[in-house]
């Protein structure tokens, strides 16, 4: 089932639109985190991406 809810990166408002924010025209992202799995193959890459972005 695809996610319908989206969140604007600029104004932090939620919408059901799929391409751009109807309020400010900013890009939309999915506000839901990925499913957790103990056998996650890509955790190393997500941690490296977060360190590069300065989030860790």
N, C-alpha and C. Protein backbone atom coordinates (compact mmCIF):
# COMPACT_ATOMS: atom_id res chain seq x y z
N UNK A 1 0.83 -1.18 0.00
CA UNK A 1 0.00 0.00 0.00
C UNK A 1 0.88 1.24 0.00
N UNK A 2 0.73 2.10 -0.96
CA UNK A 2 1.56 3.30 -0.99
C UNK A 2 1.13 4.31 0.07
N UNK A 3 2.09 5.10 0.51
CA UNK A 3 1.78 6.13 1.49
C UNK A 3 1.18 7.33 0.78
N UNK A 4 0.11 7.86 1.32
CA UNK A 4 -0.56 8.99 0.71
C UNK A 4 -0.15 10.31 1.33
N UNK A 5 0.21 10.28 2.59
CA UNK A 5 0.54 11.50 3.31
C UNK A 5 1.95 11.96 2.96
N UNK A 6 2.12 13.23 2.71
CA UNK A 6 3.42 13.83 2.42
C UNK A 6 3.61 15.05 3.31
N UNK A 7 4.88 15.41 3.54
CA UNK A 7 5.21 16.57 4.37
C UNK A 7 6.15 17.48 3.59
N UNK A 8 5.90 18.77 3.65
CA UNK A 8 6.73 19.74 2.95
C UNK A 8 8.03 19.95 3.71
N UNK A 9 9.13 19.99 2.98
CA UNK A 9 10.44 20.21 3.60
C UNK A 9 10.64 21.66 4.03
N UNK A 10 9.97 22.59 3.38
CA UNK A 10 10.16 24.01 3.69
C UNK A 10 9.25 24.50 4.81
N UNK A 11 7.92 24.28 4.66
CA UNK A 11 6.99 24.86 5.62
C UNK A 11 6.48 23.86 6.65
N UNK A 12 6.88 22.58 6.55
CA UNK A 12 6.52 21.52 7.49
C UNK A 12 5.01 21.28 7.60
N UNK A 13 4.27 21.55 6.53
CA UNK A 13 2.83 21.26 6.51
C UNK A 13 2.61 19.93 5.81
N UNK A 14 1.52 19.26 6.19
CA UNK A 14 1.18 17.97 5.61
C UNK A 14 0.16 18.16 4.49
N UNK A 15 0.23 17.29 3.48
CA UNK A 15 -0.68 17.36 2.35
C UNK A 15 -0.86 15.98 1.73
N UNK A 16 -1.86 15.84 0.89
CA UNK A 16 -2.08 14.62 0.14
C UNK A 16 -1.58 14.74 -1.30
N UNK A 17 -1.11 15.91 -1.69
CA UNK A 17 -0.56 16.10 -3.03
C UNK A 17 0.71 15.28 -3.18
N UNK A 18 1.09 14.92 -4.39
CA UNK A 18 2.23 14.04 -4.61
C UNK A 18 3.44 14.74 -5.22
N UNK A 19 3.27 15.90 -5.86
CA UNK A 19 4.40 16.48 -6.58
C UNK A 19 5.05 17.68 -5.89
N UNK A 20 4.26 18.65 -5.39
CA UNK A 20 4.85 19.80 -4.69
C UNK A 20 3.85 20.34 -3.68
N UNK A 21 4.33 21.11 -2.74
CA UNK A 21 3.51 21.66 -1.67
C UNK A 21 2.52 22.68 -2.24
N UNK A 22 1.23 22.56 -1.92
CA UNK A 22 0.26 23.53 -2.42
C UNK A 22 0.34 24.88 -1.69
N UNK A 23 1.01 24.94 -0.54
CA UNK A 23 1.10 26.17 0.23
C UNK A 23 2.28 27.04 -0.18
N UNK A 24 3.47 26.41 -0.31
CA UNK A 24 4.66 27.21 -0.60
C UNK A 24 5.38 26.74 -1.87
N UNK A 25 4.99 25.60 -2.45
CA UNK A 25 5.63 25.10 -3.65
C UNK A 25 6.91 24.32 -3.40
N UNK A 26 7.19 24.00 -2.14
CA UNK A 26 8.41 23.28 -1.78
C UNK A 26 8.33 21.79 -2.09
N UNK A 27 9.46 21.11 -1.96
CA UNK A 27 9.48 19.66 -2.23
C UNK A 27 8.81 18.88 -1.09
N UNK A 28 8.22 17.75 -1.44
CA UNK A 28 7.53 16.91 -0.46
C UNK A 28 8.34 15.66 -0.16
N UNK A 29 8.28 15.21 1.08
CA UNK A 29 8.94 13.97 1.50
C UNK A 29 7.92 13.12 2.25
N UNK A 30 8.19 11.83 2.34
CA UNK A 30 7.35 10.93 3.11
C UNK A 30 7.71 11.08 4.58
N UNK A 31 6.73 11.36 5.46
CA UNK A 31 7.06 11.59 6.87
C UNK A 31 7.23 10.32 7.68
N UNK A 32 7.02 9.15 7.08
CA UNK A 32 7.09 7.89 7.81
C UNK A 32 8.50 7.32 7.75
N UNK A 33 8.99 6.78 8.86
CA UNK A 33 10.31 6.14 8.84
C UNK A 33 10.23 4.79 8.12
N UNK A 34 11.35 4.27 7.64
CA UNK A 34 11.33 2.94 7.01
C UNK A 34 11.07 1.86 8.06
N UNK A 35 10.58 0.72 7.60
CA UNK A 35 10.32 -0.39 8.52
C UNK A 35 11.63 -0.87 9.12
N UNK A 36 11.59 -1.27 10.39
CA UNK A 36 12.78 -1.76 11.06
C UNK A 36 12.94 -3.25 10.80
N UNK A 37 14.16 -3.66 10.56
CA UNK A 37 14.47 -5.06 10.38
C UNK A 37 15.80 -5.35 11.06
N UNK A 38 15.90 -6.40 11.87
CA UNK A 38 17.18 -6.72 12.49
C UNK A 38 18.23 -7.14 11.47
N UNK A 39 17.80 -7.64 10.32
CA UNK A 39 18.73 -8.04 9.26
C UNK A 39 18.88 -6.92 8.22
N UNK A 40 18.96 -5.69 8.67
CA UNK A 40 19.04 -4.54 7.76
C UNK A 40 20.39 -4.52 7.05
N UNK A 41 20.35 -4.62 5.72
CA UNK A 41 21.58 -4.66 4.93
C UNK A 41 22.18 -3.27 4.72
N UNK A 42 21.35 -2.23 4.85
CA UNK A 42 21.78 -0.89 4.46
C UNK A 42 21.98 0.06 5.63
N UNK A 43 22.02 -0.44 6.85
CA UNK A 43 22.19 0.41 8.02
C UNK A 43 23.52 1.17 7.98
N UNK A 44 24.55 0.51 7.47
CA UNK A 44 25.87 1.15 7.39
C UNK A 44 25.80 2.40 6.52
N UNK A 45 25.09 2.33 5.41
CA UNK A 45 25.00 3.46 4.49
C UNK A 45 24.13 4.59 5.06
N UNK A 46 23.07 4.23 5.80
CA UNK A 46 22.25 5.27 6.42
C UNK A 46 23.01 6.00 7.51
N UNK A 47 23.81 5.28 8.29
CA UNK A 47 24.62 5.91 9.33
C UNK A 47 25.66 6.83 8.71
N UNK A 48 26.30 6.40 7.62
CA UNK A 48 27.28 7.25 6.94
C UNK A 48 26.63 8.50 6.37
N UNK A 49 25.43 8.36 5.82
CA UNK A 49 24.72 9.53 5.27
C UNK A 49 24.35 10.52 6.37
N UNK A 50 23.93 10.01 7.53
CA UNK A 50 23.59 10.90 8.64
C UNK A 50 24.83 11.61 9.19
N UNK A 51 25.96 10.90 9.24
CA UNK A 51 27.19 11.54 9.71
C UNK A 51 27.64 12.62 8.74
N UNK A 52 27.50 12.35 7.44
CA UNK A 52 27.90 13.33 6.43
C UNK A 52 27.00 14.57 6.49
N UNK A 53 25.74 14.38 6.86
CA UNK A 53 24.80 15.51 6.94
C UNK A 53 24.93 16.23 8.28
N UNK A 54 25.70 15.70 9.21
CA UNK A 54 25.89 16.35 10.50
C UNK A 54 24.79 16.06 11.48
N UNK A 55 24.01 15.00 11.26
CA UNK A 55 22.93 14.66 12.17
C UNK A 55 23.36 13.77 13.31
N UNK A 56 24.53 13.14 13.18
CA UNK A 56 25.05 12.28 14.26
C UNK A 56 26.30 12.87 14.85
